[in-house]
C-alpha cells in the first residue's frame, strides 16, 4: 500500500511527467484527467475540480463542480513512457467542494456494497 508521502517522493525522484486521475461515471465508464506533478500536493489536500455537467449521468446535479480525491493506495506506474519520464495513475473518489462524498460516485457505492456483504 502506498501513502501520500510515497507517491510524492516517487513523483519527485523518478521523473514523473503526468499523473492520470481516473474515476467512473454513472454508467461505469472510466474517465480520467491528467495533471502535472506540481499539482499533486493540491490533489491530495483539496482535490482537483472537474465539471460534473460534462460527465455522463452527472449532468442533472445541482452543483457543477466536483473534486477528484486520489487514493494513494491505487498508485500504478503506466508502462508506455519509460524513455522520457513516467506516467502514473491513481483511482479517485468524487466529493463535493465541501469534502462530502458524492452520492453517485460508483467507487463509493462499490465500497459500501463490499462493506454490507
PDB file of N, CA and C in Angstrom:
ATOM      1  N   UNK A   1       0.837  -1.184   0.000  1.00  0.00           N
ATOM      2  CA  UNK A   1       0.000   0.000   0.000  1.00  0.00           C
ATOM      3  C   UNK A   1       0.884   1.250   0.000  1.00  0.00           C
ATOM      4  N   UNK A   2       0.604   2.127  -0.913  1.00  0.00           N
ATOM      5  CA  UNK A   2       1.328   3.389  -0.990  1.00  0.00           C
ATOM      6  C   UNK A   2       0.643   4.444  -0.139  1.00  0.00           C
ATOM      7  N   UNK A   3       1.431   5.373   0.374  1.00  0.00           N
ATOM      8  CA  UNK A   3       0.914   6.509   1.123  1.00  0.00           C
ATOM      9  C   UNK A   3       1.096   7.773   0.291  1.00  0.00           C
ATOM     10  N   UNK A   4       0.529   8.862   0.770  1.00  0.00           N
ATOM     11  CA  UNK A   4       0.712  10.155   0.097  1.00  0.00           C
ATOM     12  C   UNK A   4       2.193  10.478  -0.006  1.00  0.00           C
ATOM     13  N   UNK A   5       2.946  10.287   1.071  1.00  0.00           N
ATOM     14  CA  UNK A   5       4.389  10.570   1.051  1.00  0.00           C
ATOM     15  C   UNK A   5       5.116   9.701   0.032  1.00  0.00           C
ATOM     16  N   UNK A   6       4.754   8.425  -0.058  1.00  0.00           N
ATOM     17  CA  UNK A   6       5.379   7.530  -1.035  1.00  0.00           C
ATOM     18  C   UNK A   6       5.168   8.044  -2.457  1.00  0.00           C
ATOM     19  N   UNK A   7       3.950   8.442  -2.756  1.00  0.00           N
ATOM     20  CA  UNK A   7       3.624   8.928  -4.097  1.00  0.00           C
ATOM     21  C   UNK A   7       4.364  10.226  -4.385  1.00  0.00           C
ATOM     22  N   UNK A   8       4.387  11.134  -3.434  1.00  0.00           N
ATOM     23  CA  UNK A   8       5.081  12.409  -3.625  1.00  0.00           C
ATOM     24  C   UNK A   8       6.573  12.195  -3.864  1.00  0.00           C
ATOM     25  N   UNK A   9       7.205  11.313  -3.094  1.00  0.00           N
ATOM     26  CA  UNK A   9       8.631  11.024  -3.267  1.00  0.00           C
ATOM     27  C   UNK A   9       8.901  10.365  -4.608  1.00  0.00           C
ATOM     28  N   UNK A  10       8.059   9.412  -4.989  1.00  0.00           N
ATOM     29  CA  UNK A  10       8.249   8.745  -6.270  1.00  0.00           C
ATOM     30  C   UNK A  10       8.157   9.748  -7.420  1.00  0.00           C
ATOM     31  N   UNK A  11       7.156  10.612  -7.376  1.00  0.00           N
ATOM     32  CA  UNK A  11       6.976  11.604  -8.442  1.00  0.00           C
ATOM     33  C   UNK A  11       8.187  12.502  -8.579  1.00  0.00           C
ATOM     34  N   UNK A  12       8.794  12.846  -7.463  1.00  0.00           N
ATOM     35  CA  UNK A  12       9.967  13.714  -7.485  1.00  0.00           C
ATOM     36  C   UNK A  12      11.218  12.976  -7.959  1.00  0.00           C
ATOM     37  N   UNK A  13      11.424  11.764  -7.463  1.00  0.00           N
ATOM     38  CA  UNK A  13      12.666  11.038  -7.720  1.00  0.00           C
ATOM     39  C   UNK A  13      12.696  10.324  -9.069  1.00  0.00           C
ATOM     40  N   UNK A  14      11.543   9.966  -9.601  1.00  0.00           N
ATOM     41  CA  UNK A  14      11.502   9.131 -10.804  1.00  0.00           C
ATOM     42  C   UNK A  14      11.070   9.872 -12.059  1.00  0.00           C
ATOM     43  N   UNK A  15      11.159  11.176 -12.070  1.00  0.00           N
ATOM     44  CA  UNK A  15      10.870  11.973 -13.252  1.00  0.00           C
ATOM     45  C   UNK A  15       9.464  11.707 -13.801  1.00  0.00           C
ATOM     46  N   UNK A  16       8.473  11.757 -12.921  1.00  0.00           N
ATOM     47  CA  UNK A  16       7.087  11.591 -13.361  1.00  0.00           C
ATOM     48  C   UNK A  16       6.678  12.833 -14.132  1.00  0.00           C
ATOM     49  N   UNK A  17       6.130  12.634 -15.323  1.00  0.00           N
ATOM     50  CA  UNK A  17       5.717  13.750 -16.175  1.00  0.00           C
ATOM     51  C   UNK A  17       4.228  14.053 -16.062  1.00  0.00           C
ATOM     52  N   UNK A  18       3.410  13.005 -15.916  1.00  0.00           N
ATOM     53  CA  UNK A  18       1.962  13.173 -15.845  1.00  0.00           C
ATOM     54  C   UNK A  18       1.379  12.224 -14.815  1.00  0.00           C
ATOM     55  N   UNK A  19       0.324  12.690 -14.152  1.00  0.00           N
ATOM     56  CA  UNK A  19      -0.439  11.856 -13.231  1.00  0.00           C
ATOM     57  C   UNK A  19      -1.847  11.757 -13.793  1.00  0.00           C
ATOM     58  N   UNK A  20      -2.292  10.546 -14.065  1.00  0.00           N
ATOM     59  CA  UNK A  20      -3.643  10.309 -14.565  1.00  0.00           C
ATOM     60  C   UNK A  20      -4.549  10.068 -13.361  1.00  0.00           C
ATOM     61  N   UNK A  21      -5.565  10.889 -13.219  1.00  0.00           N
ATOM     62  CA  UNK A  21      -6.554  10.724 -12.158  1.00  0.00           C
ATOM     63  C   UNK A  21      -7.802  10.140 -12.805  1.00  0.00           C
ATOM     64  N   UNK A  22      -8.177   8.947 -12.385  1.00  0.00           N
ATOM     65  CA  UNK A  22      -9.272   8.241 -13.036  1.00  0.00           C
ATOM     66  C   UNK A  22     -10.463   8.075 -12.093  1.00  0.00           C
ATOM     67  N   UNK A  23     -11.646   8.064 -12.674  1.00  0.00           N
ATOM     68  CA  UNK A  23     -12.896   7.855 -11.939  1.00  0.00           C
ATOM     69  C   UNK A  23     -13.891   7.231 -12.906  1.00  0.00           C
ATOM     70  N   UNK A  24     -15.062   6.891 -12.413  1.00  0.00           N
ATOM     71  CA  UNK A  24     -16.060   6.226 -13.236  1.00  0.00           C
ATOM     72  C   UNK A  24     -17.360   7.016 -13.229  1.00  0.00           C
ATOM     73  N   UNK A  25     -17.986   7.112 -14.409  1.00  0.00           N
ATOM     74  CA  UNK A  25     -19.271   7.799 -14.481  1.00  0.00           C
ATOM     75  C   UNK A  25     -20.388   6.875 -13.994  1.00  0.00           C
ATOM     76  N   UNK A  26     -21.607   7.349 -14.033  1.00  0.00           N
ATOM     77  CA  UNK A  26     -22.755   6.607 -13.513  1.00  0.00           C
ATOM     78  C   UNK A  26     -23.007   5.313 -14.288  1.00  0.00           C
ATOM     79  N   UNK A  27     -22.508   5.249 -15.525  1.00  0.00           N
ATOM     80  CA  UNK A  27     -22.690   4.063 -16.365  1.00  0.00           C
ATOM     81  C   UNK A  27     -21.537   3.071 -16.239  1.00  0.00           C
ATOM     82  N   UNK A  28     -20.565   3.384 -15.406  1.00  0.00           N
ATOM     83  CA  UNK A  28     -19.428   2.505 -15.203  1.00  0.00           C
ATOM     84  C   UNK A  28     -18.294   2.709 -16.194  1.00  0.00           C
ATOM     85  N   UNK A  29     -18.364   3.756 -17.008  1.00  0.00           N
ATOM     86  CA  UNK A  29     -17.303   4.046 -17.970  1.00  0.00           C
ATOM     87  C   UNK A  29     -16.174   4.796 -17.286  1.00  0.00           C
ATOM     88  N   UNK A  30     -14.960   4.357 -17.551  1.00  0.00           N
ATOM     89  CA  UNK A  30     -13.802   5.013 -16.956  1.00  0.00           C
ATOM     90  C   UNK A  30     -13.552   6.352 -17.626  1.00  0.00           C
ATOM     91  N   UNK A  31     -13.315   7.361 -16.813  1.00  0.00           N
ATOM     92  CA  UNK A  31     -12.954   8.709 -17.260  1.00  0.00           C
ATOM     93  C   UNK A  31     -11.663   9.073 -16.554  1.00  0.00           C
ATOM     94  N   UNK A  32     -10.890   9.964 -17.162  1.00  0.00           N
ATOM     95  CA  UNK A  32      -9.682  10.410 -16.475  1.00  0.00           C
ATOM     96  C   UNK A  32      -9.244  11.773 -16.956  1.00  0.00           C
ATOM     97  N   UNK A  33      -8.465  12.398 -16.120  1.00  0.00           N
ATOM     98  CA  UNK A  33      -7.816  13.650 -16.475  1.00  0.00           C
ATOM     99  C   UNK A  33      -6.337  13.498 -16.136  1.00  0.00           C
ATOM    100  N   UNK A  34      -5.519  14.332 -16.732  1.00  0.00           N
ATOM    101  CA  UNK A  34      -4.085  14.339 -16.426  1.00  0.00           C
ATOM    102  C   UNK A  34      -3.735  15.629 -15.701  1.00  0.00           C
ATOM    103  N   UNK A  35      -2.876  15.495 -14.716  1.00  0.00           N
ATOM    104  CA  UNK A  35      -2.329  16.667 -14.042  1.00  0.00           C
ATOM    105  C   UNK A  35      -0.812  16.569 -14.077  1.00  0.00           C
ATOM    106  N   UNK A  36      -0.169  17.678 -13.839  1.00  0.00           N
ATOM    107  CA  UNK A  36       1.288  17.729 -13.769  1.00  0.00           C
ATOM    108  C   UNK A  36       1.729  17.459 -12.333  1.00  0.00           C
ATOM    109  N   UNK A  37       2.965  17.023 -12.147  1.00  0.00           N
ATOM    110  CA  UNK A  37       3.450  16.721 -10.802  1.00  0.00           C
ATOM    111  C   UNK A  37       3.342  17.880  -9.809  1.00  0.00           C
ATOM    112  N   UNK A  38       3.443  19.125 -10.281  1.00  0.00           N
ATOM    113  CA  UNK A  38       3.346  20.245  -9.351  1.00  0.00           C
ATOM    114  C   UNK A  38       1.930  20.451  -8.809  1.00  0.00           C
ATOM    115  N   UNK A  39       0.937  19.740  -9.347  1.00  0.00           N
ATOM    116  CA  UNK A  39      -0.440  19.807  -8.861  1.00  0.00           C
ATOM    117  C   UNK A  39      -0.779  18.660  -7.912  1.00  0.00           C
ATOM    118  N   UNK A  40       0.162  17.769  -7.708  1.00  0.00           N
ATOM    119  CA  UNK A  40      -0.102  16.570  -6.918  1.00  0.00           C
ATOM    120  C   UNK A  40      -0.393  16.879  -5.454  1.00  0.00           C
ATOM    121  N   UNK A  41       0.340  17.784  -4.867  1.00  0.00           N
ATOM    122  CA  UNK A  41       0.105  18.137  -3.466  1.00  0.00           C
ATOM    123  C   UNK A  41      -1.306  18.697  -3.276  1.00  0.00           C
ATOM    124  N   UNK A  42      -1.730  19.557  -4.187  1.00  0.00           N
ATOM    125  CA  UNK A  42      -3.085  20.129  -4.132  1.00  0.00           C
ATOM    126  C   UNK A  42      -4.139  19.044  -4.326  1.00  0.00           C
ATOM    127  N   UNK A  43      -3.855  18.077  -5.200  1.00  0.00           N
ATOM    128  CA  UNK A  43      -4.805  16.984  -5.438  1.00  0.00           C
ATOM    129  C   UNK A  43      -5.065  16.202  -4.162  1.00  0.00           C
ATOM    130  N   UNK A  44      -4.005  15.921  -3.405  1.00  0.00           N
ATOM    131  CA  UNK A  44      -4.169  15.187  -2.155  1.00  0.00           C
ATOM    132  C   UNK A  44      -4.833  16.047  -1.075  1.00  0.00           C
ATOM    133  N   UNK A  45      -4.511  17.324  -1.030  1.00  0.00           N
ATOM    134  CA  UNK A  45      -5.027  18.194   0.027  1.00  0.00           C
ATOM    135  C   UNK A  45      -6.488  18.593  -0.199  1.00  0.00           C
ATOM    136  N   UNK A  46      -6.791  19.081  -1.393  1.00  0.00           N
ATOM    137  CA  UNK A  46      -8.134  19.616  -1.647  1.00  0.00           C
ATOM    138  C   UNK A  46      -8.895  18.874  -2.728  1.00  0.00           C
ATOM    139  N   UNK A  47      -8.172  18.220  -3.613  1.00  0.00           N
ATOM    140  CA  UNK A  47      -8.794  17.582  -4.768  1.00  0.00           C
ATOM    141  C   UNK A  47      -8.622  18.447  -6.003  1.00  0.00           C
ATOM    142  N   UNK A  48      -8.936  17.864  -7.142  1.00  0.00           N
ATOM    143  CA  UNK A  48      -8.859  18.559  -8.426  1.00  0.00           C
ATOM    144  C   UNK A  48     -10.278  18.711  -8.959  1.00  0.00           C
ATOM    145  N   UNK A  49     -10.674  19.944  -9.268  1.00  0.00           N
ATOM    146  CA  UNK A  49     -12.036  20.225  -9.712  1.00  0.00           C
ATOM    147  C   UNK A  49     -12.294  19.687 -11.111  1.00  0.00           C
ATOM    148  N   UNK A  50     -13.493  19.135 -11.284  1.00  0.00           N
ATOM    149  CA  UNK A  50     -13.960  18.745 -12.616  1.00  0.00           C
ATOM    150  C   UNK A  50     -15.358  19.326 -12.802  1.00  0.00           C
ATOM    151  N   UNK A  51     -15.787  19.423 -14.038  1.00  0.00           N
ATOM    152  CA  UNK A  51     -17.116  19.912 -14.368  1.00  0.00           C
ATOM    153  C   UNK A  51     -18.073  18.726 -14.439  1.00  0.00           C
ATOM    154  N   UNK A  52     -18.929  18.572 -13.443  1.00  0.00           N
ATOM    155  CA  UNK A  52     -19.844  17.434 -13.388  1.00  0.00           C
ATOM    156  C   UNK A  52     -20.836  17.447 -14.544  1.00  0.00           C
ATOM    157  N   UNK A  53     -21.156  18.610 -15.067  1.00  0.00           N
ATOM    158  CA  UNK A  53     -22.117  18.700 -16.162  1.00  0.00           C
ATOM    159  C   UNK A  53     -21.603  18.033 -17.434  1.00  0.00           C
ATOM    160  N   UNK A  54     -20.291  17.855 -17.549  1.00  0.00           N
ATOM    161  CA  UNK A  54     -19.696  17.251 -18.738  1.00  0.00           C
ATOM    162  C   UNK A  54     -19.551  15.735 -18.631  1.00  0.00           C
ATOM    163  N   UNK A  55     -19.964  15.152 -17.506  1.00  0.00           N
ATOM    164  CA  UNK A  55     -19.797  13.719 -17.279  1.00  0.00           C
ATOM    165  C   UNK A  55     -21.156  13.029 -17.383  1.00  0.00           C
ATOM    166  N   UNK A  56     -21.219  11.961 -18.180  1.00  0.00           N
ATOM    167  CA  UNK A  56     -22.458  11.229 -18.378  1.00  0.00           C
ATOM    168  C   UNK A  56     -23.090  10.778 -17.079  1.00  0.00           C
ATOM    169  N   UNK A  57     -24.382  11.090 -16.907  1.00  0.00           N
ATOM    170  CA  UNK A  57     -25.104  10.705 -15.718  1.00  0.00           C
ATOM    171  C   UNK A  57     -25.012  11.709 -14.592  1.00  0.00           C
ATOM    172  N   UNK A  58     -24.086  12.649 -14.672  1.00  0.00           N
ATOM    173  CA  UNK A  58     -23.922  13.653 -13.623  1.00  0.00           C
ATOM    174  C   UNK A  58     -24.513  15.002 -14.028  1.00  0.00           C
ATOM    175  N   UNK A  59     -25.002  15.133 -15.262  1.00  0.00           N
ATOM    176  CA  UNK A  59     -25.390  16.440 -15.782  1.00  0.00           C
ATOM    177  C   UNK A  59     -26.582  17.080 -15.073  1.00  0.00           C
ATOM    178  N   UNK A  60     -27.365  16.340 -14.323  1.00  0.00           N
ATOM    179  CA  UNK A  60     -28.509  16.914 -13.617  1.00  0.00           C
ATOM    180  C   UNK A  60     -28.191  17.303 -12.178  1.00  0.00           C
ATOM    181  N   UNK A  61     -26.940  17.348 -11.842  1.00  0.00           N
ATOM    182  CA  UNK A  61     -26.534  17.674 -10.474  1.00  0.00           C
ATOM    183  C   UNK A  61     -26.755  19.151 -10.175  1.00  0.00           C
ATOM    184  N   UNK A  62     -27.027  19.451  -8.910  1.00  0.00           N
ATOM    185  CA  UNK A  62     -27.241  20.835  -8.506  1.00  0.00           C
ATOM    186  C   UNK A  62     -25.946  21.625  -8.471  1.00  0.00           C
ATOM    187  N   UNK A  63     -24.823  20.924  -8.315  1.00  0.00           N
ATOM    188  CA  UNK A  63     -23.516  21.577  -8.306  1.00  0.00           C
ATOM    189  C   UNK A  63     -22.749  21.119  -9.540  1.00  0.00           C
ATOM    190  N   UNK A  64     -22.203  22.064 -10.275  1.00  0.00           N
ATOM    191  CA  UNK A  64     -21.414  21.710 -11.447  1.00  0.00           C
ATOM    192  C   UNK A  64     -20.009  21.267 -11.100  1.00  0.00           C
ATOM    193  N   UNK A  65     -19.541  21.655  -9.918  1.00  0.00           N
ATOM    194  CA  UNK A  65     -18.173  21.311  -9.537  1.00  0.00           C
ATOM    195  C   UNK A  65     -18.154  20.099  -8.620  1.00  0.00           C
ATOM    196  N   UNK A  66     -17.325  19.155  -8.982  1.00  0.00           N
ATOM    197  CA  UNK A  66     -16.983  18.030  -8.125  1.00  0.00           C
ATOM    198  C   UNK A  66     -15.466  17.988  -8.057  1.00  0.00           C
ATOM    199  N   UNK A  67     -14.943  17.321  -7.061  1.00  0.00           N
ATOM    200  CA  UNK A  67     -13.499  17.229  -6.900  1.00  0.00           C
ATOM    201  C   UNK A  67     -13.064  15.775  -6.915  1.00  0.00           C
ATOM    202  N   UNK A  68     -11.952  15.530  -7.593  1.00  0.00           N
ATOM    203  CA  UNK A  68     -11.324  14.211  -7.607  1.00  0.00           C
ATOM    204  C   UNK A  68     -10.315  14.151  -6.477  1.00  0.00           C
ATOM    205  N   UNK A  69     -10.480  13.195  -5.584  1.00  0.00           N
ATOM    206  CA  UNK A  69      -9.545  12.985  -4.477  1.00  0.00           C
ATOM    207  C   UNK A  69      -8.820  11.664  -4.728  1.00  0.00           C
ATOM    208  N   UNK A  70      -7.544  11.711  -5.109  1.00  0.00           N
ATOM    209  CA  UNK A  70      -6.818  10.476  -5.425  1.00  0.00           C
ATOM    210  C   UNK A  70      -6.573   9.606  -4.207  1.00  0.00           C
ATOM    211  N   UNK A  71      -6.642   8.311  -4.428  1.00  0.00           N
ATOM    212  CA  UNK A  71      -6.362   7.320  -3.387  1.00  0.00           C
ATOM    213  C   UNK A  71      -4.943   6.815  -3.620  1.00  0.00           C
ATOM    214  N   UNK A  72      -3.988   7.170  -2.743  1.00  0.00           N
ATOM    215  CA  UNK A  72      -2.597   6.774  -2.979  1.00  0.00           C
ATOM    216  C   UNK A  72      -2.385   5.259  -2.984  1.00  0.00           C
ATOM    217  N   UNK A  73      -3.279   4.506  -2.359  1.00  0.00           N
ATOM    218  CA  UNK A  73      -3.114   3.044  -2.346  1.00  0.00           C
ATOM    219  C   UNK A  73      -3.359   2.429  -3.724  1.00  0.00           C
ATOM    220  N   UNK A  74      -3.933   3.186  -4.653  1.00  0.00           N
ATOM    221  CA  UNK A  74      -4.176   2.683  -6.014  1.00  0.00           C
ATOM    222  C   UNK A  74      -3.085   3.109  -7.000  1.00  0.00           C
ATOM    223  N   UNK A  75      -2.024   3.699  -6.510  1.00  0.00           N
ATOM    224  CA  UNK A  75      -0.909   4.187  -7.328  1.00  0.00           C
ATOM    225  C   UNK A  75      -0.369   3.083  -8.236  1.00  0.00           C
ATOM    226  N   UNK A  76      -0.307   3.382  -9.537  1.00  0.00           N
ATOM    227  CA  UNK A  76       0.179   2.425 -10.532  1.00  0.00           C
ATOM    228  C   UNK A  76       1.061   3.162 -11.536  1.00  0.00           C
ATOM    229  N   UNK A  77       2.158   2.550 -11.901  1.00  0.00           N
ATOM    230  CA  UNK A  77       3.036   3.106 -12.938  1.00  0.00           C
ATOM    231  C   UNK A  77       2.559   2.572 -14.280  1.00  0.00           C
ATOM    232  N   UNK A  78       2.287   3.471 -15.213  1.00  0.00           N
ATOM    233  CA  UNK A  78       1.871   3.051 -16.548  1.00  0.00           C
ATOM    234  C   UNK A  78       3.118   2.829 -17.400  1.00  0.00           C
ATOM    235  N   UNK A  79       3.168   1.737 -18.153  1.00  0.00           N
ATOM    236  CA  UNK A  79       4.419   1.310 -18.786  1.00  0.00           C
ATOM    237  C   UNK A  79       4.790   1.974 -20.102  1.00  0.00           C
ATOM    238  N   UNK A  80       3.995   2.853 -20.639  1.00  0.00           N
ATOM    239  CA  UNK A  80       4.271   3.267 -22.014  1.00  0.00           C
ATOM    240  C   UNK A  80       5.090   4.529 -22.185  1.00  0.00           C
ATOM    241  N   UNK A  81       5.724   5.064 -21.152  1.00  0.00           N
ATOM    242  CA  UNK A  81       6.594   6.237 -21.353  1.00  0.00           C
ATOM    243  C   UNK A  81       7.902   6.077 -20.609  1.00  0.00           C
ATOM    244  N   UNK A  82       8.541   4.959 -20.726  1.00  0.00           N
ATOM    245  CA  UNK A  82       9.743   4.710 -19.942  1.00  0.00           C
ATOM    246  C   UNK A  82      10.966   5.474 -20.433  1.00  0.00           C
ATOM    247  N   UNK A  83      10.954   6.003 -21.657  1.00  0.00           N
ATOM    248  CA  UNK A  83      12.121   6.674 -22.204  1.00  0.00           C
ATOM    249  C   UNK A  83      12.311   8.075 -21.625  1.00  0.00           C
ATOM    250  N   UNK A  84      11.257   8.856 -21.531  1.00  0.00           N
ATOM    251  CA  UNK A  84      11.411  10.255 -21.135  1.00  0.00           C
ATOM    252  C   UNK A  84      10.500  10.652 -19.979  1.00  0.00           C
ATOM    253  N   UNK A  85      10.465   9.855 -18.955  1.00  0.00           N
ATOM    254  CA  UNK A  85       9.658  10.177 -17.782  1.00  0.00           C
ATOM    255  C   UNK A  85       8.474   9.241 -17.640  1.00  0.00           C
ATOM    256  N   UNK A  86       8.030   9.102 -16.420  1.00  0.00           N
ATOM    257  CA  UNK A  86       6.966   8.161 -16.114  1.00  0.00           C
ATOM    258  C   UNK A  86       5.592   8.825 -16.179  1.00  0.00           C
ATOM    259  N   UNK A  87       4.601   7.981 -16.401  1.00  0.00           N
ATOM    260  CA  UNK A  87       3.207   8.365 -16.261  1.00  0.00           C
ATOM    261  C   UNK A  87       2.630   7.425 -15.211  1.00  0.00           C
ATOM    262  N   UNK A  88       1.943   7.994 -14.233  1.00  0.00           N
ATOM    263  CA  UNK A  88       1.360   7.178 -13.172  1.00  0.00           C
ATOM    264  C   UNK A  88      -0.147   7.422 -13.141  1.00  0.00           C
ATOM    265  N   UNK A  89      -0.842   6.507 -12.482  1.00  0.00           N
ATOM    266  CA  UNK A  89      -2.289   6.573 -12.405  1.00  0.00           C
ATOM    267  C   UNK A  89      -2.735   6.335 -10.971  1.00  0.00           C
ATOM    268  N   UNK A  90      -3.804   7.025 -10.568  1.00  0.00           N
ATOM    269  CA  UNK A  90      -4.458   6.758  -9.289  1.00  0.00           C
ATOM    270  C   UNK A  90      -5.968   6.842  -9.494  1.00  0.00           C
ATOM    271  N   UNK A  91      -6.684   5.943  -8.845  1.00  0.00           N
ATOM    272  CA  UNK A  91      -8.133   5.976  -8.878  1.00  0.00           C
ATOM    273  C   UNK A  91      -8.599   6.991  -7.842  1.00  0.00           C
ATOM    274  N   UNK A  92      -9.644   7.741  -8.183  1.00  0.00           N
ATOM    275  CA  UNK A  92     -10.109   8.825  -7.333  1.00  0.00           C
ATOM    276  C   UNK A  92     -11.529   8.605  -6.838  1.00  0.00           C
ATOM    277  N   UNK A  93     -11.811   9.216  -5.707  1.00  0.00           N
ATOM    278  CA  UNK A  93     -13.168   9.332  -5.209  1.00  0.00           C
ATOM    279  C   UNK A  93     -13.690  10.695  -5.612  1.00  0.00           C
ATOM    280  N   UNK A  94     -14.998  10.798  -5.795  1.00  0.00           N
ATOM    281  CA  UNK A  94     -15.626  12.066  -6.134  1.00  0.00           C
ATOM    282  C   UNK A  94     -16.258  12.664  -4.885  1.00  0.00           C
ATOM    283  N   UNK A  95     -15.960  13.935  -4.647  1.00  0.00           N
ATOM    284  CA  UNK A  95     -16.513  14.639  -3.494  1.00  0.00           C
ATOM    285  C   UNK A  95     -17.030  16.005  -3.928  1.00  0.00           C
ATOM    286  N   UNK A  96     -17.936  16.555  -3.110  1.00  0.00           N
ATOM    287  CA  UNK A  96     -18.408  17.925  -3.317  1.00  0.00           C
ATOM    288  C   UNK A  96     -17.327  18.893  -2.848  1.00  0.00           C
ATOM    289  N   UNK A  97     -17.455  20.187  -3.200  1.00  0.00           N
ATOM    290  CA  UNK A  97     -16.446  21.165  -2.775  1.00  0.00           C
ATOM    291  C   UNK A  97     -16.207  21.211  -1.269  1.00  0.00           C
ATOM    292  N   UNK A  98     -17.216  20.877  -0.471  1.00  0.00           N
ATOM    293  CA  UNK A  98     -17.029  20.890   0.982  1.00  0.00           C
ATOM    294  C   UNK A  98     -16.431  19.597   1.525  1.00  0.00           C
ATOM    295  N   UNK A  99     -16.135  18.640   0.631  1.00  0.00           N
ATOM    296  CA  UNK A  99     -15.492  17.396   1.037  1.00  0.00           C
ATOM    297  C   UNK A  99     -16.429  16.232   1.298  1.00  0.00           C
ATOM    298  N   UNK A 100     -17.737  16.473   1.269  1.00  0.00           N
ATOM    299  CA  UNK A 100     -18.667  15.368   1.478  1.00  0.00           C
ATOM    300  C   UNK A 100     -18.701  14.470   0.249  1.00  0.00           C
ATOM    301  N   UNK A 101     -18.866  13.168   0.452  1.00  0.00           N
ATOM    302  CA  UNK A 101     -18.869  12.230  -0.678  1.00  0.00           C
ATOM    303  C   UNK A 101     -20.024  12.510  -1.645  1.00  0.00           C
ATOM    304  N   UNK A 102     -19.744  12.353  -2.908  1.00  0.00           N
ATOM    305  CA  UNK A 102     -20.740  12.487  -3.974  1.00  0.00           C
ATOM    306  C   UNK A 102     -21.545  11.195  -4.030  1.00  0.00           C
ATOM    307  N   UNK A 103     -22.863  11.292  -3.915  1.00  0.00           N
ATOM    308  CA  UNK A 103     -23.694  10.096  -3.814  1.00  0.00           C
ATOM    309  C   UNK A 103     -23.725   9.234  -5.073  1.00  0.00           C
ATOM    310  N   UNK A 104     -23.333   9.758  -6.215  1.00  0.00           N
ATOM    311  CA  UNK A 104     -23.296   8.960  -7.441  1.00  0.00           C
ATOM    312  C   UNK A 104     -21.890   8.453  -7.772  1.00  0.00           C
ATOM    313  N   UNK A 105     -20.980   8.537  -6.822  1.00  0.00           N
ATOM    314  CA  UNK A 105     -19.618   8.032  -7.016  1.00  0.00           C
ATOM    315  C   UNK A 105     -19.671   6.508  -7.004  1.00  0.00           C
ATOM    316  N   UNK A 106     -19.411   5.892  -8.138  1.00  0.00           N
ATOM    317  CA  UNK A 106     -19.517   4.441  -8.269  1.00  0.00           C
ATOM    318  C   UNK A 106     -18.506   3.713  -7.392  1.00  0.00           C
ATOM    319  N   UNK A 107     -17.375   4.308  -7.164  1.00  0.00           N
ATOM    320  CA  UNK A 107     -16.372   3.698  -6.295  1.00  0.00           C
ATOM    321  C   UNK A 107     -16.872   3.652  -4.852  1.00  0.00           C
ATOM    322  N   UNK A 108     -17.493   4.721  -4.399  1.00  0.00           N
ATOM    323  CA  UNK A 108     -18.054   4.743  -3.039  1.00  0.00           C
ATOM    324  C   UNK A 108     -19.181   3.734  -2.898  1.00  0.00           C
ATOM    325  N   UNK A 109     -19.984   3.604  -3.949  1.00  0.00           N
ATOM    326  CA  UNK A 109     -21.064   2.617  -3.907  1.00  0.00           C
ATOM    327  C   UNK A 109     -20.516   1.193  -3.846  1.00  0.00           C
ATOM    328  N   UNK A 110     -19.473   0.933  -4.593  1.00  0.00           N
ATOM    329  CA  UNK A 110     -18.859  -0.391  -4.551  1.00  0.00           C
ATOM    330  C   UNK A 110     -18.270  -0.675  -3.178  1.00  0.00           C
ATOM    331  N   UNK A 111     -17.587   0.291  -2.589  1.00  0.00           N
ATOM    332  CA  UNK A 111     -17.050   0.117  -1.249  1.00  0.00           C
ATOM    333  C   UNK A 111     -18.162  -0.180  -0.247  1.00  0.00           C
ATOM    334  N   UNK A 112     -19.291   0.513  -0.378  1.00  0.00           N
ATOM    335  CA  UNK A 112     -20.412   0.292   0.528  1.00  0.00           C
ATOM    336  C   UNK A 112     -21.004  -1.104   0.331  1.00  0.00           C
ATOM    337  N   UNK A 113     -21.099  -1.563  -0.901  1.00  0.00           N
ATOM    338  CA  UNK A 113     -21.625  -2.906  -1.180  1.00  0.00           C
ATOM    339  C   UNK A 113     -20.709  -3.969  -0.595  1.00  0.00           C
ATOM    340  N   UNK A 114     -19.408  -3.782  -0.699  1.00  0.00           N
ATOM    341  CA  UNK A 114     -18.461  -4.738  -0.108  1.00  0.00           C
ATOM    342  C   UNK A 114     -18.594  -4.749   1.399  1.00  0.00           C
ATOM    343  N   UNK A 115     -18.716  -3.572   1.995  1.00  0.00           N
ATOM    344  CA  UNK A 115     -18.857  -3.492   3.454  1.00  0.00           C
ATOM    345  C   UNK A 115     -20.175  -4.151   3.898  1.00  0.00           C
ATOM    346  N   UNK A 116     -21.252  -3.946   3.163  1.00  0.00           N
ATOM    347  CA  UNK A 116     -22.537  -4.536   3.507  1.00  0.00           C
ATOM    348  C   UNK A 116     -22.510  -6.065   3.395  1.00  0.00           C
ATOM    349  N   UNK A 117     -21.732  -6.557   2.429  1.00  0.00           N
ATOM    350  CA  UNK A 117     -21.642  -8.006   2.224  1.00  0.00           C
ATOM    351  C   UNK A 117     -20.833  -8.626   3.354  1.00  0.00           C
TER     352      UNK A 117
END
